[in-house]
PDB file of N, CA and C in Angstrom:
ATOM      1  N   MET A   1       6.029   9.044  -2.508  1.00  0.00           N
ATOM      2  CA  MET A   1       6.177   7.669  -2.919  1.00  0.00           C
ATOM      3  C   MET A   1       7.348   7.007  -2.195  1.00  0.00           C
ATOM      4  N   LEU A   2       8.445   7.728  -2.080  1.00  0.00           N
ATOM      5  CA  LEU A   2       9.624   7.124  -1.447  1.00  0.00           C
ATOM      6  C   LEU A   2       9.367   6.786   0.014  1.00  0.00           C
ATOM      7  N   GLU A   3       8.594   7.622   0.717  1.00  0.00           N
ATOM      8  CA  GLU A   3       8.253   7.317   2.104  1.00  0.00           C
ATOM      9  C   GLU A   3       7.429   6.037   2.179  1.00  0.00           C
ATOM     10  N   THR A   4       6.504   5.876   1.259  1.00  0.00           N
ATOM     11  CA  THR A   4       5.665   4.681   1.230  1.00  0.00           C
ATOM     12  C   THR A   4       6.498   3.448   0.910  1.00  0.00           C
ATOM     13  N   ILE A   5       7.386   3.560  -0.052  1.00  0.00           N
ATOM     14  CA  ILE A   5       8.267   2.440  -0.409  1.00  0.00           C
ATOM     15  C   ILE A   5       9.096   2.018   0.794  1.00  0.00           C
ATOM     16  N   GLU A   6       9.662   2.975   1.503  1.00  0.00           N
ATOM     17  CA  GLU A   6      10.477   2.646   2.676  1.00  0.00           C
ATOM     18  C   GLU A   6       9.639   2.019   3.780  1.00  0.00           C
ATOM     19  N   ALA A   7       8.415   2.467   3.963  1.00  0.00           N
ATOM     20  CA  ALA A   7       7.530   1.863   4.969  1.00  0.00           C
ATOM     21  C   ALA A   7       7.221   0.412   4.608  1.00  0.00           C
ATOM     22  N   VAL A   8       6.964   0.149   3.338  1.00  0.00           N
ATOM     23  CA  VAL A   8       6.681  -1.226   2.899  1.00  0.00           C
ATOM     24  C   VAL A   8       7.925  -2.097   3.082  1.00  0.00           C
ATOM     25  N   ARG A   9       9.082  -1.564   2.783  1.00  0.00           N
ATOM     26  CA  ARG A   9      10.323  -2.325   3.005  1.00  0.00           C
ATOM     27  C   ARG A   9      10.472  -2.690   4.481  1.00  0.00           C
ATOM     28  N   ARG A  10      10.191  -1.744   5.367  1.00  0.00           N
ATOM     29  CA  ARG A  10      10.341  -2.006   6.801  1.00  0.00           C
ATOM     30  C   ARG A  10       9.361  -3.062   7.288  1.00  0.00           C
ATOM     31  N   VAL A  11       8.084  -2.922   6.953  1.00  0.00           N
ATOM     32  CA  VAL A  11       7.095  -3.866   7.488  1.00  0.00           C
ATOM     33  C   VAL A  11       7.201  -5.237   6.837  1.00  0.00           C
ATOM     34  N   SER A  12       7.649  -5.289   5.587  1.00  0.00           N
ATOM     35  CA  SER A  12       7.786  -6.579   4.901  1.00  0.00           C
ATOM     36  C   SER A  12       9.117  -7.249   5.211  1.00  0.00           C
ATOM     37  N   GLU A  13      10.032  -6.455   5.771  1.00  0.00           N
ATOM     38  CA  GLU A  13      11.390  -6.935   6.037  1.00  0.00           C
ATOM     39  C   GLU A  13      12.039  -7.497   4.774  1.00  0.00           C
ATOM     40  N   ARG A  14      11.757  -6.815   3.659  1.00  0.00           N
ATOM     41  CA  ARG A  14      12.324  -7.195   2.362  1.00  0.00           C
ATOM     42  C   ARG A  14      12.916  -5.956   1.710  1.00  0.00           C
ATOM     43  N   ASN A  15      14.029  -6.143   1.038  1.00  0.00           N
ATOM     44  CA  ASN A  15      14.632  -5.048   0.284  1.00  0.00           C
ATOM     45  C   ASN A  15      14.429  -5.357  -1.193  1.00  0.00           C
ATOM     46  N   PHE A  16      13.433  -4.755  -1.768  1.00  0.00           N
ATOM     47  CA  PHE A  16      13.089  -5.019  -3.166  1.00  0.00           C
ATOM     48  C   PHE A  16      13.577  -3.890  -4.058  1.00  0.00           C
ATOM     49  N   ALA A  17      13.742  -4.220  -5.307  1.00  0.00           N
ATOM     50  CA  ALA A  17      14.205  -3.236  -6.285  1.00  0.00           C
ATOM     51  C   ALA A  17      13.079  -2.265  -6.633  1.00  0.00           C
ATOM     52  N   VAL A  18      13.460  -1.041  -6.895  1.00  0.00           N
ATOM     53  CA  VAL A  18      12.517  -0.016  -7.322  1.00  0.00           C
ATOM     54  C   VAL A  18      13.009   0.523  -8.656  1.00  0.00           C
ATOM     55  N   GLN A  19      12.121   0.600  -9.615  1.00  0.00           N
ATOM     56  CA  GLN A  19      12.490   1.150 -10.919  1.00  0.00           C
ATOM     57  C   GLN A  19      12.031   2.599 -10.993  1.00  0.00           C
ATOM     58  N   TYR A  20      12.976   3.484 -11.263  1.00  0.00           N
ATOM     59  CA  TYR A  20      12.675   4.897 -11.412  1.00  0.00           C
ATOM     60  C   TYR A  20      12.464   5.192 -12.891  1.00  0.00           C
ATOM     61  N   ALA A  21      11.465   6.003 -13.165  1.00  0.00           N
ATOM     62  CA  ALA A  21      11.148   6.326 -14.552  1.00  0.00           C
ATOM     63  C   ALA A  21      10.666   7.780 -14.604  1.00  0.00           C
ATOM     64  N   PRO A  22      10.717   8.364 -15.778  1.00  0.00           N
ATOM     65  CA  PRO A  22      10.203   9.737 -15.908  1.00  0.00           C
ATOM     66  C   PRO A  22       8.697   9.773 -15.628  1.00  0.00           C
ATOM     67  N   ARG A  23       8.235  10.962 -15.254  1.00  0.00           N
ATOM     68  CA  ARG A  23       6.793  11.123 -15.056  1.00  0.00           C
ATOM     69  C   ARG A  23       6.058  10.812 -16.346  1.00  0.00           C
ATOM     70  N   ARG A  24       4.881  10.242 -16.192  1.00  0.00           N
ATOM     71  CA  ARG A  24       4.029   9.960 -17.345  1.00  0.00           C
ATOM     72  C   ARG A  24       3.049  11.103 -17.530  1.00  0.00           C
ATOM     73  N   PRO A  25       2.506  11.254 -18.718  1.00  0.00           N
ATOM     74  CA  PRO A  25       1.487  12.293 -18.908  1.00  0.00           C
ATOM     75  C   PRO A  25       0.336  12.069 -17.913  1.00  0.00           C
ATOM     76  N   GLY A  26      -0.024  13.128 -17.217  1.00  0.00           N
ATOM     77  CA  GLY A  26      -1.115  13.031 -16.254  1.00  0.00           C
ATOM     78  C   GLY A  26      -0.656  12.787 -14.826  1.00  0.00           C
ATOM     79  N   ASP A  27       0.610  12.373 -14.623  1.00  0.00           N
ATOM     80  CA  ASP A  27       1.125  12.191 -13.264  1.00  0.00           C
ATOM     81  C   ASP A  27       1.213  13.547 -12.571  1.00  0.00           C
ATOM     82  N   ILE A  28       0.889  13.563 -11.287  1.00  0.00           N
ATOM     83  CA  ILE A  28       1.003  14.810 -10.541  1.00  0.00           C
ATOM     84  C   ILE A  28       2.458  15.035 -10.152  1.00  0.00           C
ATOM     85  N   MET A  29       2.836  16.298  -9.977  1.00  0.00           N
ATOM     86  CA  MET A  29       4.214  16.608  -9.614  1.00  0.00           C
ATOM     87  C   MET A  29       4.437  16.445  -8.118  1.00  0.00           C
ATOM     88  N   THR A  30       3.460  16.831  -7.323  1.00  0.00           N
ATOM     89  CA  THR A  30       3.595  16.799  -5.874  1.00  0.00           C
ATOM     90  C   THR A  30       2.270  16.396  -5.253  1.00  0.00           C
ATOM     91  N   MET A  31       2.346  15.613  -4.187  1.00  0.00           N
ATOM     92  CA  MET A  31       1.140  15.257  -3.451  1.00  0.00           C
ATOM     93  C   MET A  31       1.459  15.343  -1.965  1.00  0.00           C
ATOM     94  N   ILE A  32       0.581  15.989  -1.248  1.00  0.00           N
ATOM     95  CA  ILE A  32       0.729  16.081   0.197  1.00  0.00           C
ATOM     96  C   ILE A  32      -0.555  15.539   0.803  1.00  0.00           C
ATOM     97  N   ALA A  33      -0.428  14.503   1.592  1.00  0.00           N
ATOM     98  CA  ALA A  33      -1.585  13.887   2.232  1.00  0.00           C
ATOM     99  C   ALA A  33      -1.806  14.563   3.585  1.00  0.00           C
ATOM    100  N   ASP A  34      -2.556  15.644   3.567  1.00  0.00           N
ATOM    101  CA  ASP A  34      -2.836  16.405   4.780  1.00  0.00           C
ATOM    102  C   ASP A  34      -4.316  16.263   5.103  1.00  0.00           C
ATOM    103  N   THR A  35      -4.605  15.622   6.217  1.00  0.00           N
ATOM    104  CA  THR A  35      -5.997  15.370   6.581  1.00  0.00           C
ATOM    105  C   THR A  35      -6.561  16.406   7.544  1.00  0.00           C
ATOM    106  N   SER A  36      -5.828  17.467   7.808  1.00  0.00           N
ATOM    107  CA  SER A  36      -6.272  18.434   8.821  1.00  0.00           C
ATOM    108  C   SER A  36      -7.625  19.076   8.477  1.00  0.00           C
ATOM    109  N   ARG A  37      -7.847  19.382   7.226  1.00  0.00           N
ATOM    110  CA  ARG A  37      -9.118  20.034   6.862  1.00  0.00           C
ATOM    111  C   ARG A  37     -10.304  19.093   7.036  1.00  0.00           C
ATOM    112  N   ILE A  38     -10.186  17.872   6.545  1.00  0.00           N
ATOM    113  CA  ILE A  38     -11.307  16.936   6.680  1.00  0.00           C
ATOM    114  C   ILE A  38     -11.535  16.575   8.147  1.00  0.00           C
ATOM    115  N   ARG A  39     -10.456  16.535   8.918  1.00  0.00           N
ATOM    116  CA  ARG A  39     -10.596  16.267  10.352  1.00  0.00           C
ATOM    117  C   ARG A  39     -11.396  17.378  11.033  1.00  0.00           C
ATOM    118  N   SER A  40     -11.092  18.629  10.687  1.00  0.00           N
ATOM    119  CA  SER A  40     -11.770  19.741  11.357  1.00  0.00           C
ATOM    120  C   SER A  40     -13.189  19.946  10.839  1.00  0.00           C
ATOM    121  N   VAL A  41     -13.387  19.849   9.537  1.00  0.00           N
ATOM    122  CA  VAL A  41     -14.700  20.107   8.951  1.00  0.00           C
ATOM    123  C   VAL A  41     -15.697  19.002   9.310  1.00  0.00           C
ATOM    124  N   LEU A  42     -15.260  17.757   9.224  1.00  0.00           N
ATOM    125  CA  LEU A  42     -16.166  16.633   9.459  1.00  0.00           C
ATOM    126  C   LEU A  42     -15.997  15.989  10.830  1.00  0.00           C
ATOM    127  N   ASP A  43     -15.084  16.529  11.639  1.00  0.00           N
ATOM    128  CA  ASP A  43     -14.787  15.923  12.929  1.00  0.00           C
ATOM    129  C   ASP A  43     -14.477  14.436  12.725  1.00  0.00           C
ATOM    130  N   TRP A  44     -13.592  14.169  11.779  1.00  0.00           N
ATOM    131  CA  TRP A  44     -13.252  12.811  11.350  1.00  0.00           C
ATOM    132  C   TRP A  44     -11.855  12.440  11.808  1.00  0.00           C
ATOM    133  N   THR A  45     -11.701  11.180  12.193  1.00  0.00           N
ATOM    134  CA  THR A  45     -10.393  10.643  12.544  1.00  0.00           C
ATOM    135  C   THR A  45     -10.216   9.331  11.796  1.00  0.00           C
ATOM    136  N   PRO A  46      -9.106   9.154  11.081  1.00  0.00           N
ATOM    137  CA  PRO A  46      -8.899   7.893  10.361  1.00  0.00           C
ATOM    138  C   PRO A  46      -8.704   6.737  11.338  1.00  0.00           C
ATOM    139  N   GLN A  47      -9.113   5.563  10.920  1.00  0.00           N
ATOM    140  CA  GLN A  47      -8.926   4.379  11.762  1.00  0.00           C
ATOM    141  C   GLN A  47      -7.438   4.086  11.929  1.00  0.00           C
ATOM    142  N   TYR A  48      -6.677   4.252  10.856  1.00  0.00           N
ATOM    143  CA  TYR A  48      -5.233   4.035  10.885  1.00  0.00           C
ATOM    144  C   TYR A  48      -4.556   5.332  10.461  1.00  0.00           C
ATOM    145  N   ASP A  49      -3.664   5.822  11.299  1.00  0.00           N
ATOM    146  CA  ASP A  49      -3.075   7.132  11.057  1.00  0.00           C
ATOM    147  C   ASP A  49      -1.553   7.067  10.911  1.00  0.00           C
ATOM    148  N   ASP A  50      -1.017   5.865  10.844  1.00  0.00           N
ATOM    149  CA  ASP A  50       0.429   5.674  10.798  1.00  0.00           C
ATOM    150  C   ASP A  50       0.782   4.947   9.503  1.00  0.00           C
ATOM    151  N   LEU A  51       1.732   5.492   8.736  1.00  0.00           N
ATOM    152  CA  LEU A  51       2.070   4.920   7.432  1.00  0.00           C
ATOM    153  C   LEU A  51       2.503   3.466   7.540  1.00  0.00           C
ATOM    154  N   GLU A  52       3.279   3.114   8.553  1.00  0.00           N
ATOM    155  CA  GLU A  52       3.720   1.719   8.689  1.00  0.00           C
ATOM    156  C   GLU A  52       2.549   0.793   8.995  1.00  0.00           C
ATOM    157  N   THR A  53       1.591   1.239   9.797  1.00  0.00           N
ATOM    158  CA  THR A  53       0.402   0.426  10.082  1.00  0.00           C
ATOM    159  C   THR A  53      -0.410   0.230   8.815  1.00  0.00           C
ATOM    160  N   ILE A  54      -0.574   1.299   8.043  1.00  0.00           N
ATOM    161  CA  ILE A  54      -1.314   1.214   6.782  1.00  0.00           C
ATOM    162  C   ILE A  54      -0.601   0.261   5.828  1.00  0.00           C
ATOM    163  N   ALA A  55       0.714   0.369   5.726  1.00  0.00           N
ATOM    164  CA  ALA A  55       1.490  -0.517   4.853  1.00  0.00           C
ATOM    165  C   ALA A  55       1.373  -1.963   5.319  1.00  0.00           C
ATOM    166  N   ALA A  56       1.402  -2.199   6.621  1.00  0.00           N
ATOM    167  CA  ALA A  56       1.283  -3.565   7.154  1.00  0.00           C
ATOM    168  C   ALA A  56      -0.079  -4.160   6.813  1.00  0.00           C
ATOM    169  N   HIS A  57      -1.146  -3.369   6.948  1.00  0.00           N
ATOM    170  CA  HIS A  57      -2.484  -3.856   6.601  1.00  0.00           C
ATOM    171  C   HIS A  57      -2.597  -4.135   5.102  1.00  0.00           C
ATOM    172  N   ALA A  58      -2.051  -3.252   4.285  1.00  0.00           N
ATOM    173  CA  ALA A  58      -2.092  -3.455   2.837  1.00  0.00           C
ATOM    174  C   ALA A  58      -1.313  -4.705   2.442  1.00  0.00           C
ATOM    175  N   LEU A  59      -0.145  -4.898   3.043  1.00  0.00           N
ATOM    176  CA  LEU A  59       0.666  -6.077   2.747  1.00  0.00           C
ATOM    177  C   LEU A  59      -0.055  -7.345   3.177  1.00  0.00           C
ATOM    178  N   ALA A  60      -0.675  -7.340   4.352  1.00  0.00           N
ATOM    179  CA  ALA A  60      -1.431  -8.516   4.815  1.00  0.00           C
ATOM    180  C   ALA A  60      -2.571  -8.833   3.852  1.00  0.00           C
ATOM    181  N   TRP A  61      -3.250  -7.812   3.338  1.00  0.00           N
ATOM    182  CA  TRP A  61      -4.339  -8.003   2.388  1.00  0.00           C
ATOM    183  C   TRP A  61      -3.818  -8.629   1.090  1.00  0.00           C
ATOM    184  N   GLU A  62      -2.721  -8.096   0.571  1.00  0.00           N
ATOM    185  CA  GLU A  62      -2.151  -8.629  -0.668  1.00  0.00           C
ATOM    186  C   GLU A  62      -1.672 -10.071  -0.480  1.00  0.00           C
ATOM    187  N   GLU A  63      -1.086 -10.376   0.680  1.00  0.00           N
ATOM    188  CA  GLU A  63      -0.647 -11.751   0.946  1.00  0.00           C
ATOM    189  C   GLU A  63      -1.834 -12.697   1.031  1.00  0.00           C
ATOM    190  N   LYS A  64      -2.943 -12.240   1.629  1.00  0.00           N
ATOM    191  CA  LYS A  64      -4.172 -13.040   1.692  1.00  0.00           C
ATOM    192  C   LYS A  64      -4.689 -13.334   0.287  1.00  0.00           C
ATOM    193  N   LEU A  65      -4.749 -12.313  -0.555  1.00  0.00           N
ATOM    194  CA  LEU A  65      -5.207 -12.508  -1.933  1.00  0.00           C
ATOM    195  C   LEU A  65      -4.289 -13.469  -2.680  1.00  0.00           C
ATOM    196  N   PHE A  66      -2.987 -13.353  -2.464  1.00  0.00           N
ATOM    197  CA  PHE A  66      -2.023 -14.240  -3.114  1.00  0.00           C
ATOM    198  C   PHE A  66      -2.275 -15.693  -2.699  1.00  0.00           C
ATOM    199  N   ARG A  67      -2.450 -15.921  -1.394  1.00  0.00           N
ATOM    200  CA  ARG A  67      -2.720 -17.287  -0.917  1.00  0.00           C
ATOM    201  C   ARG A  67      -4.020 -17.835  -1.499  1.00  0.00           C
ATOM    202  N   GLU A  68      -5.041 -16.987  -1.583  1.00  0.00           N
ATOM    203  CA  GLU A  68      -6.317 -17.425  -2.161  1.00  0.00           C
ATOM    204  C   GLU A  68      -6.154 -17.789  -3.625  1.00  0.00           C
ATOM    205  N   ARG A  69      -5.400 -16.976  -4.376  1.00  0.00           N
ATOM    206  CA  ARG A  69      -5.172 -17.282  -5.799  1.00  0.00           C
ATOM    207  C   ARG A  69      -4.388 -18.578  -5.950  1.00  0.00           C
ATOM    208  N   GLN A  70      -3.390 -18.785  -5.091  1.00  0.00           N
ATOM    209  CA  GLN A  70      -2.604 -20.025  -5.138  1.00  0.00           C
ATOM    210  C   GLN A  70      -3.501 -21.222  -4.867  1.00  0.00           C
ATOM    211  N   GLY A  71      -4.392 -21.087  -3.901  1.00  0.00           N
ATOM    212  CA  GLY A  71      -5.340 -22.163  -3.594  1.00  0.00           C
ATOM    213  C   GLY A  71      -6.260 -22.442  -4.758  1.00  0.00           C
ATOM    214  N   ASP A  72      -6.748 -21.396  -5.422  1.00  0.00           N
ATOM    215  CA  ASP A  72      -7.594 -21.563  -6.602  1.00  0.00           C
ATOM    216  C   ASP A  72      -6.849 -22.279  -7.714  1.00  0.00           C
ATOM    217  N   LEU A  73      -5.574 -21.925  -7.922  1.00  0.00           N
ATOM    218  CA  LEU A  73      -4.783 -22.568  -8.971  1.00  0.00           C
ATOM    219  C   LEU A  73      -4.531 -24.033  -8.646  1.00  0.00           C
ATOM    220  N   GLN A  74      -4.234 -24.334  -7.385  1.00  0.00           N
ATOM    221  CA  GLN A  74      -4.010 -25.730  -6.993  1.00  0.00           C
ATOM    222  C   GLN A  74      -5.290 -26.536  -7.127  1.00  0.00           C
ATOM    223  N   HIS A  75      -6.425 -25.936  -6.762  1.00  0.00           N
ATOM    224  CA  HIS A  75      -7.700 -26.619  -6.887  1.00  0.00           C
ATOM    225  C   HIS A  75      -8.032 -26.884  -8.357  1.00  0.00           C
ATOM    226  N   ALA A  76      -7.764 -25.915  -9.221  1.00  0.00           N
ATOM    227  CA  ALA A  76      -8.048 -26.077 -10.658  1.00  0.00           C
ATOM    228  C   ALA A  76      -7.129 -27.132 -11.259  1.00  0.00           C
ATOM    229  N   ALA A  77      -5.878 -27.190 -10.809  1.00  0.00           N
ATOM    230  CA  ALA A  77      -4.929 -28.159 -11.359  1.00  0.00           C
ATOM    231  C   ALA A  77      -5.295 -29.592 -10.954  1.00  0.00           C
ATOM    232  N   SER A  78      -5.905 -29.744  -9.784  1.00  0.00           N
ATOM    233  CA  SER A  78      -6.261 -31.091  -9.330  1.00  0.00           C
ATOM    234  C   SER A  78      -7.606 -31.543  -9.864  1.00  0.00           C
ATOM    235  N   ALA A  79      -8.358 -30.640 -10.466  1.00  0.00           N
ATOM    236  CA  ALA A  79      -9.703 -30.989 -10.965  1.00  0.00           C
ATOM    237  C   ALA A  79      -9.644 -31.696 -12.290  1.00  0.00           C
TER     238      ALA A  79
END
């Protein structure tokens, strides 16, 4: 999670607050995103293989949705 947070901070060029909390019931203790097995078994390659690129695409998507929602709200307010 911390690697992802730092990648989002870098691509967004924003330093946002992060709230740390105890694990919740059902949260996993450790996660390792290793694609080596799926790559070898299925001869698969991800379209995006770099955490910063993935974070940049996710941020662009969220910003697009935000702009669309703002437009919907402005349209509803003027109706």
